[in-house]
Structures are given as C-alpha cells and as structure tokens.
Amino acid sequence: MRTLKVFSERLFDGCAECEMKTAIRCVVKGRVQGVYFRQSTREQAQQLGISGWAKNLPDGTVEVLACGAPEALQILRNWLHNGPAMAQVVDVHCQPAAPSDSNDFRVL
C-alpha cells in the first residue's frame, strides 16, 4: 500500500489544473459481494485520486464507475482483477464511459 500511495502522490503532484480525466465503467464478476469489495475499491480509488462509485448489482456483480487520469485508471483496473483478499474475481469487463462531475468516490 505504501508504494501505491507514494506513486499516486507523484502521479498527481501539481496536477489539479490538468484536464486529462477519462472514465471507465467496469462490471466485476465472481464472488464480489459480501467480501468488502466496494469499500476496498473506494480505498484504492481514493489513493489514486479517482472519483466515481461502486455498487452491487442484482445479478451478484459489482459495477464500478471510475474517473481520473488514464494511468490511475489502469492501476485501478488491474487491481479490480484481484480485489480484496476474500474476493474471487472471475472476470472484469471495462468500457469507456462519460466522466462524472463528482470529486469523491462513493459506495452506493
């Protein structure tokens, strides 16, 4: 975690005015509900300076909307393939999305 924090501080140092934000919408399949997945995603996103949300879907998947710098989104996307320790991720499908106006990352 320390490495991630140091990397994210370096990645976003002085970048408050840059408008290079993009967004992705990901659906994560597997054992991803009831295993602290959404909250862990929020923690990862906050460390990376990513805004958006994570929510459980009725079919047992988790949907994530993430908005931030492309490099940070790639790090989060890679993390989603594993998730927290108790998760068992089977598949992650991501596609481009419209950036949100939110400045925080929420668990819905």
N, C-alpha and C. Protein backbone atom coordinates (compact mmCIF):
# COMPACT_ATOMS: atom_id res chain seq x y z
N MET A 1 0.82 -1.19 0.00
CA MET A 1 0.00 0.00 0.00
C MET A 1 0.87 1.25 0.00
N ARG A 2 1.96 1.21 0.71
CA ARG A 2 2.83 2.37 0.78
C ARG A 2 3.31 2.76 -0.62
N THR A 3 3.71 1.76 -1.42
CA THR A 3 4.18 2.03 -2.77
C THR A 3 3.09 2.71 -3.59
N LEU A 4 1.86 2.21 -3.47
CA LEU A 4 0.73 2.80 -4.19
C LEU A 4 0.53 4.24 -3.79
N LYS A 5 0.62 4.54 -2.49
CA LYS A 5 0.43 5.90 -2.00
C LYS A 5 1.52 6.82 -2.54
N VAL A 6 2.76 6.38 -2.48
CA VAL A 6 3.87 7.20 -2.98
C VAL A 6 3.71 7.42 -4.48
N PHE A 7 3.35 6.37 -5.22
CA PHE A 7 3.15 6.51 -6.66
C PHE A 7 2.04 7.49 -6.97
N SER A 8 0.92 7.38 -6.24
CA SER A 8 -0.21 8.27 -6.53
C SER A 8 0.13 9.72 -6.18
N GLU A 9 0.90 9.94 -5.13
CA GLU A 9 1.31 11.30 -4.79
C GLU A 9 2.18 11.87 -5.90
N ARG A 10 3.08 11.06 -6.43
CA ARG A 10 3.96 11.51 -7.50
C ARG A 10 3.17 11.73 -8.79
N LEU A 11 2.21 10.84 -9.07
CA LEU A 11 1.42 10.92 -10.28
C LEU A 11 0.57 12.18 -10.33
N PHE A 12 0.03 12.60 -9.18
CA PHE A 12 -0.90 13.72 -9.17
C PHE A 12 -0.32 15.00 -8.60
N ASP A 13 0.96 15.03 -8.30
CA ASP A 13 1.58 16.22 -7.76
C ASP A 13 1.49 17.35 -8.78
N GLY A 14 0.82 18.43 -8.41
CA GLY A 14 0.70 19.58 -9.28
C GLY A 14 -0.26 19.40 -10.43
N CYS A 15 -1.11 18.39 -10.36
CA CYS A 15 -1.98 18.08 -11.49
C CYS A 15 -3.42 18.55 -11.26
N ALA A 16 -3.66 19.41 -10.31
CA ALA A 16 -5.02 19.84 -10.01
C ALA A 16 -5.65 20.55 -11.20
N GLU A 17 -4.86 21.27 -11.96
CA GLU A 17 -5.44 22.00 -13.07
C GLU A 17 -5.46 21.21 -14.38
N CYS A 18 -4.87 20.02 -14.41
CA CYS A 18 -4.87 19.28 -15.67
C CYS A 18 -6.24 18.65 -15.91
N GLU A 19 -6.65 18.67 -17.14
CA GLU A 19 -7.98 18.19 -17.50
C GLU A 19 -7.89 16.88 -18.27
N MET A 20 -6.94 16.05 -17.95
CA MET A 20 -6.75 14.81 -18.67
C MET A 20 -7.53 13.67 -18.03
N LYS A 21 -8.73 13.95 -17.56
CA LYS A 21 -9.53 12.92 -16.92
C LYS A 21 -10.30 12.12 -17.97
N THR A 22 -10.32 10.84 -17.76
CA THR A 22 -11.14 9.96 -18.57
C THR A 22 -11.95 9.09 -17.60
N ALA A 23 -12.83 8.28 -18.13
CA ALA A 23 -13.65 7.45 -17.26
C ALA A 23 -13.85 6.07 -17.86
N ILE A 24 -14.01 5.10 -16.97
CA ILE A 24 -14.34 3.73 -17.38
C ILE A 24 -15.47 3.21 -16.50
N ARG A 25 -16.26 2.33 -17.07
CA ARG A 25 -17.30 1.62 -16.34
C ARG A 25 -16.92 0.15 -16.41
N CYS A 26 -16.78 -0.47 -15.23
CA CYS A 26 -16.38 -1.88 -15.17
C CYS A 26 -17.45 -2.68 -14.45
N VAL A 27 -17.65 -3.91 -14.91
CA VAL A 27 -18.50 -4.86 -14.21
C VAL A 27 -17.60 -6.01 -13.79
N VAL A 28 -17.59 -6.29 -12.49
CA VAL A 28 -16.72 -7.31 -11.92
C VAL A 28 -17.56 -8.51 -11.53
N LYS A 29 -17.19 -9.70 -12.06
CA LYS A 29 -17.95 -10.93 -11.81
C LYS A 29 -17.16 -11.87 -10.91
N GLY A 30 -17.88 -12.68 -10.16
CA GLY A 30 -17.26 -13.66 -9.28
C GLY A 30 -17.85 -13.53 -7.89
N ARG A 31 -17.08 -13.92 -6.91
CA ARG A 31 -17.51 -13.74 -5.51
C ARG A 31 -17.05 -12.34 -5.09
N VAL A 32 -17.90 -11.36 -5.39
CA VAL A 32 -17.52 -9.96 -5.19
C VAL A 32 -18.51 -9.19 -4.31
N GLN A 33 -19.56 -9.84 -3.86
CA GLN A 33 -20.49 -9.20 -2.93
C GLN A 33 -20.35 -9.87 -1.57
N GLY A 34 -20.41 -9.04 -0.52
CA GLY A 34 -20.26 -9.56 0.84
C GLY A 34 -18.83 -9.86 1.23
N VAL A 35 -17.87 -9.33 0.47
CA VAL A 35 -16.45 -9.58 0.76
C VAL A 35 -15.65 -8.28 0.84
N TYR A 36 -16.36 -7.16 1.13
CA TYR A 36 -15.70 -5.87 1.31
C TYR A 36 -15.15 -5.32 0.00
N PHE A 37 -15.72 -5.77 -1.15
CA PHE A 37 -15.20 -5.36 -2.45
C PHE A 37 -15.42 -3.88 -2.74
N ARG A 38 -16.63 -3.38 -2.53
CA ARG A 38 -16.91 -1.98 -2.85
C ARG A 38 -16.09 -1.03 -1.99
N GLN A 39 -16.01 -1.30 -0.68
CA GLN A 39 -15.24 -0.43 0.20
C GLN A 39 -13.75 -0.48 -0.13
N SER A 40 -13.25 -1.65 -0.45
CA SER A 40 -11.84 -1.77 -0.84
C SER A 40 -11.57 -1.03 -2.14
N THR A 41 -12.52 -1.09 -3.07
CA THR A 41 -12.39 -0.34 -4.33
C THR A 41 -12.35 1.15 -4.03
N ARG A 42 -13.19 1.59 -3.13
CA ARG A 42 -13.21 3.02 -2.73
C ARG A 42 -11.85 3.44 -2.17
N GLU A 43 -11.28 2.61 -1.31
CA GLU A 43 -9.98 2.93 -0.71
C GLU A 43 -8.90 3.02 -1.78
N GLN A 44 -8.90 2.07 -2.71
CA GLN A 44 -7.91 2.11 -3.80
C GLN A 44 -8.10 3.37 -4.65
N ALA A 45 -9.36 3.66 -4.99
CA ALA A 45 -9.65 4.83 -5.82
C ALA A 45 -9.20 6.12 -5.14
N GLN A 46 -9.47 6.24 -3.86
CA GLN A 46 -9.07 7.46 -3.14
C GLN A 46 -7.56 7.63 -3.14
N GLN A 47 -6.82 6.55 -2.99
CA GLN A 47 -5.36 6.64 -3.01
C GLN A 47 -4.84 7.07 -4.37
N LEU A 48 -5.61 6.76 -5.42
CA LEU A 48 -5.19 7.08 -6.78
C LEU A 48 -5.76 8.40 -7.29
N GLY A 49 -6.57 9.08 -6.49
CA GLY A 49 -7.17 10.34 -6.91
C GLY A 49 -8.30 10.14 -7.91
N ILE A 50 -8.97 9.01 -7.83
CA ILE A 50 -10.06 8.67 -8.74
C ILE A 50 -11.40 8.96 -8.08
N SER A 51 -12.32 9.53 -8.84
CA SER A 51 -13.68 9.75 -8.35
C SER A 51 -14.61 8.74 -9.02
N GLY A 52 -15.84 8.66 -8.50
CA GLY A 52 -16.82 7.75 -9.09
C GLY A 52 -17.60 7.01 -8.02
N TRP A 53 -17.94 5.75 -8.31
CA TRP A 53 -18.71 4.96 -7.37
C TRP A 53 -18.59 3.47 -7.66
N ALA A 54 -18.99 2.68 -6.67
CA ALA A 54 -19.07 1.22 -6.82
C ALA A 54 -20.39 0.79 -6.21
N LYS A 55 -21.11 -0.11 -6.91
CA LYS A 55 -22.39 -0.57 -6.38
C LYS A 55 -22.62 -2.03 -6.73
N ASN A 56 -23.36 -2.71 -5.85
CA ASN A 56 -23.77 -4.08 -6.09
C ASN A 56 -24.90 -4.08 -7.11
N LEU A 57 -24.89 -5.05 -8.01
CA LEU A 57 -25.97 -5.24 -8.95
C LEU A 57 -26.77 -6.49 -8.57
N PRO A 58 -28.03 -6.56 -8.95
CA PRO A 58 -28.89 -7.68 -8.56
C PRO A 58 -28.38 -9.06 -9.00
N ASP A 59 -27.58 -9.10 -10.06
CA ASP A 59 -27.08 -10.40 -10.55
C ASP A 59 -25.84 -10.90 -9.82
N GLY A 60 -25.42 -10.21 -8.75
CA GLY A 60 -24.27 -10.64 -7.96
C GLY A 60 -22.95 -10.03 -8.38
N THR A 61 -22.97 -9.17 -9.38
CA THR A 61 -21.75 -8.49 -9.82
C THR A 61 -21.62 -7.15 -9.11
N VAL A 62 -20.47 -6.51 -9.30
CA VAL A 62 -20.24 -5.16 -8.80
C VAL A 62 -19.94 -4.28 -10.00
N GLU A 63 -20.61 -3.13 -10.06
CA GLU A 63 -20.37 -2.16 -11.12
C GLU A 63 -19.54 -1.01 -10.55
N VAL A 64 -18.54 -0.58 -11.31
CA VAL A 64 -17.65 0.49 -10.88
C VAL A 64 -17.59 1.55 -11.98
N LEU A 65 -17.84 2.80 -11.60
CA LEU A 65 -17.59 3.92 -12.50
C LEU A 65 -16.40 4.67 -11.90
N ALA A 66 -15.34 4.81 -12.69
CA ALA A 66 -14.12 5.45 -12.21
C ALA A 66 -13.70 6.54 -13.17
N CYS A 67 -13.36 7.71 -12.61
CA CYS A 67 -12.98 8.87 -13.41
C CYS A 67 -11.66 9.43 -12.86
N GLY A 68 -10.68 9.56 -13.73
CA GLY A 68 -9.39 10.09 -13.29
C GLY A 68 -8.37 10.07 -14.42
N ALA A 69 -7.13 10.20 -14.07
CA ALA A 69 -6.03 10.16 -15.04
C ALA A 69 -5.93 8.76 -15.63
N PRO A 70 -5.63 8.64 -16.91
CA PRO A 70 -5.55 7.32 -17.54
C PRO A 70 -4.63 6.34 -16.82
N GLU A 71 -3.50 6.82 -16.33
CA GLU A 71 -2.55 5.94 -15.63
C GLU A 71 -3.17 5.40 -14.34
N ALA A 72 -3.88 6.25 -13.62
CA ALA A 72 -4.53 5.83 -12.37
C ALA A 72 -5.65 4.84 -12.66
N LEU A 73 -6.41 5.08 -13.72
CA LEU A 73 -7.48 4.16 -14.08
C LEU A 73 -6.92 2.79 -14.44
N GLN A 74 -5.79 2.74 -15.09
CA GLN A 74 -5.18 1.45 -15.43
C GLN A 74 -4.75 0.70 -14.17
N ILE A 75 -4.23 1.41 -13.20
CA ILE A 75 -3.84 0.78 -11.94
C ILE A 75 -5.07 0.22 -11.23
N LEU A 76 -6.15 1.00 -11.18
CA LEU A 76 -7.38 0.52 -10.54
C LEU A 76 -7.94 -0.67 -11.32
N ARG A 77 -7.94 -0.57 -12.62
CA ARG A 77 -8.45 -1.67 -13.44
C ARG A 77 -7.68 -2.97 -13.16
N ASN A 78 -6.37 -2.87 -13.07
CA ASN A 78 -5.56 -4.05 -12.73
C ASN A 78 -5.92 -4.58 -11.36
N TRP A 79 -6.13 -3.69 -10.39
CA TRP A 79 -6.49 -4.09 -9.04
C TRP A 79 -7.84 -4.82 -9.03
N LEU A 80 -8.80 -4.37 -9.84
CA LEU A 80 -10.12 -4.99 -9.88
C LEU A 80 -10.06 -6.46 -10.24
N HIS A 81 -9.04 -6.88 -10.97
CA HIS A 81 -8.91 -8.29 -11.36
C HIS A 81 -8.61 -9.19 -10.17
N ASN A 82 -8.17 -8.62 -9.06
CA ASN A 82 -7.91 -9.39 -7.84
C ASN A 82 -8.85 -9.01 -6.71
N GLY A 83 -9.02 -7.70 -6.50
CA GLY A 83 -9.87 -7.22 -5.42
C GLY A 83 -9.28 -7.51 -4.06
N PRO A 84 -10.11 -7.41 -3.02
CA PRO A 84 -9.64 -7.69 -1.67
C PRO A 84 -9.41 -9.19 -1.46
N ALA A 85 -8.78 -9.53 -0.36
CA ALA A 85 -8.36 -10.91 -0.10
C ALA A 85 -9.48 -11.94 -0.20
N MET A 86 -10.68 -11.63 0.28
CA MET A 86 -11.75 -12.61 0.30
C MET A 86 -12.51 -12.72 -1.03
N ALA A 87 -12.24 -11.83 -1.95
CA ALA A 87 -12.93 -11.87 -3.25
C ALA A 87 -12.35 -12.97 -4.13
N GLN A 88 -13.18 -13.46 -5.02
CA GLN A 88 -12.74 -14.41 -6.05
C GLN A 88 -13.25 -13.88 -7.39
N VAL A 89 -12.44 -13.06 -8.01
CA VAL A 89 -12.83 -12.41 -9.26
C VAL A 89 -12.68 -13.41 -10.41
N VAL A 90 -13.75 -13.54 -11.20
CA VAL A 90 -13.76 -14.43 -12.35
C VAL A 90 -13.53 -13.65 -13.64
N ASP A 91 -14.11 -12.44 -13.73
CA ASP A 91 -14.00 -11.65 -14.95
C ASP A 91 -14.21 -10.18 -14.64
N VAL A 92 -13.55 -9.33 -15.39
CA VAL A 92 -13.74 -7.88 -15.30
C VAL A 92 -13.91 -7.38 -16.73
N HIS A 93 -15.03 -6.73 -16.96
CA HIS A 93 -15.29 -6.15 -18.28
C HIS A 93 -15.37 -4.63 -18.12
N CYS A 94 -14.48 -3.91 -18.79
CA CYS A 94 -14.47 -2.44 -18.71
C CYS A 94 -14.69 -1.84 -20.09
N GLN A 95 -15.34 -0.68 -20.08
CA GLN A 95 -15.55 0.07 -21.32
C GLN A 95 -15.46 1.56 -21.00
N PRO A 96 -15.15 2.37 -22.00
CA PRO A 96 -15.10 3.82 -21.77
C PRO A 96 -16.47 4.34 -21.32
N ALA A 97 -16.44 5.39 -20.52
CA ALA A 97 -17.68 6.00 -20.02
C ALA A 97 -17.51 7.51 -20.01
N ALA A 98 -18.63 8.19 -19.83
CA ALA A 98 -18.60 9.65 -19.71
C ALA A 98 -18.10 10.01 -18.32
N PRO A 99 -17.14 10.92 -18.20
CA PRO A 99 -16.65 11.33 -16.88
C PRO A 99 -17.77 11.95 -16.05
N SER A 100 -17.74 11.68 -14.76
CA SER A 100 -18.75 12.26 -13.85
C SER A 100 -18.23 13.57 -13.29
N ASP A 101 -19.12 14.35 -12.71
CA ASP A 101 -18.74 15.63 -12.09
C ASP A 101 -18.33 15.47 -10.64
N SER A 102 -18.43 14.28 -10.13
CA SER A 102 -18.14 14.03 -8.71
C SER A 102 -16.66 14.22 -8.43
N ASN A 103 -16.35 14.66 -7.20
CA ASN A 103 -14.96 14.81 -6.77
C ASN A 103 -14.56 13.75 -5.75
N ASP A 104 -15.49 12.84 -5.44
CA ASP A 104 -15.17 11.80 -4.47
C ASP A 104 -15.55 10.43 -5.04
N PHE A 105 -15.23 9.39 -4.31
CA PHE A 105 -15.59 8.04 -4.72
C PHE A 105 -16.53 7.49 -3.66
N ARG A 106 -17.71 7.07 -4.09
CA ARG A 106 -18.74 6.63 -3.14
C ARG A 106 -19.06 5.16 -3.31
N VAL A 107 -19.51 4.57 -2.22
CA VAL A 107 -20.06 3.22 -2.23
C VAL A 107 -21.57 3.39 -2.25
N LEU A 108 -22.22 2.88 -3.27
CA LEU A 108 -23.67 3.00 -3.40
C LEU A 108 -24.34 1.71 -2.95
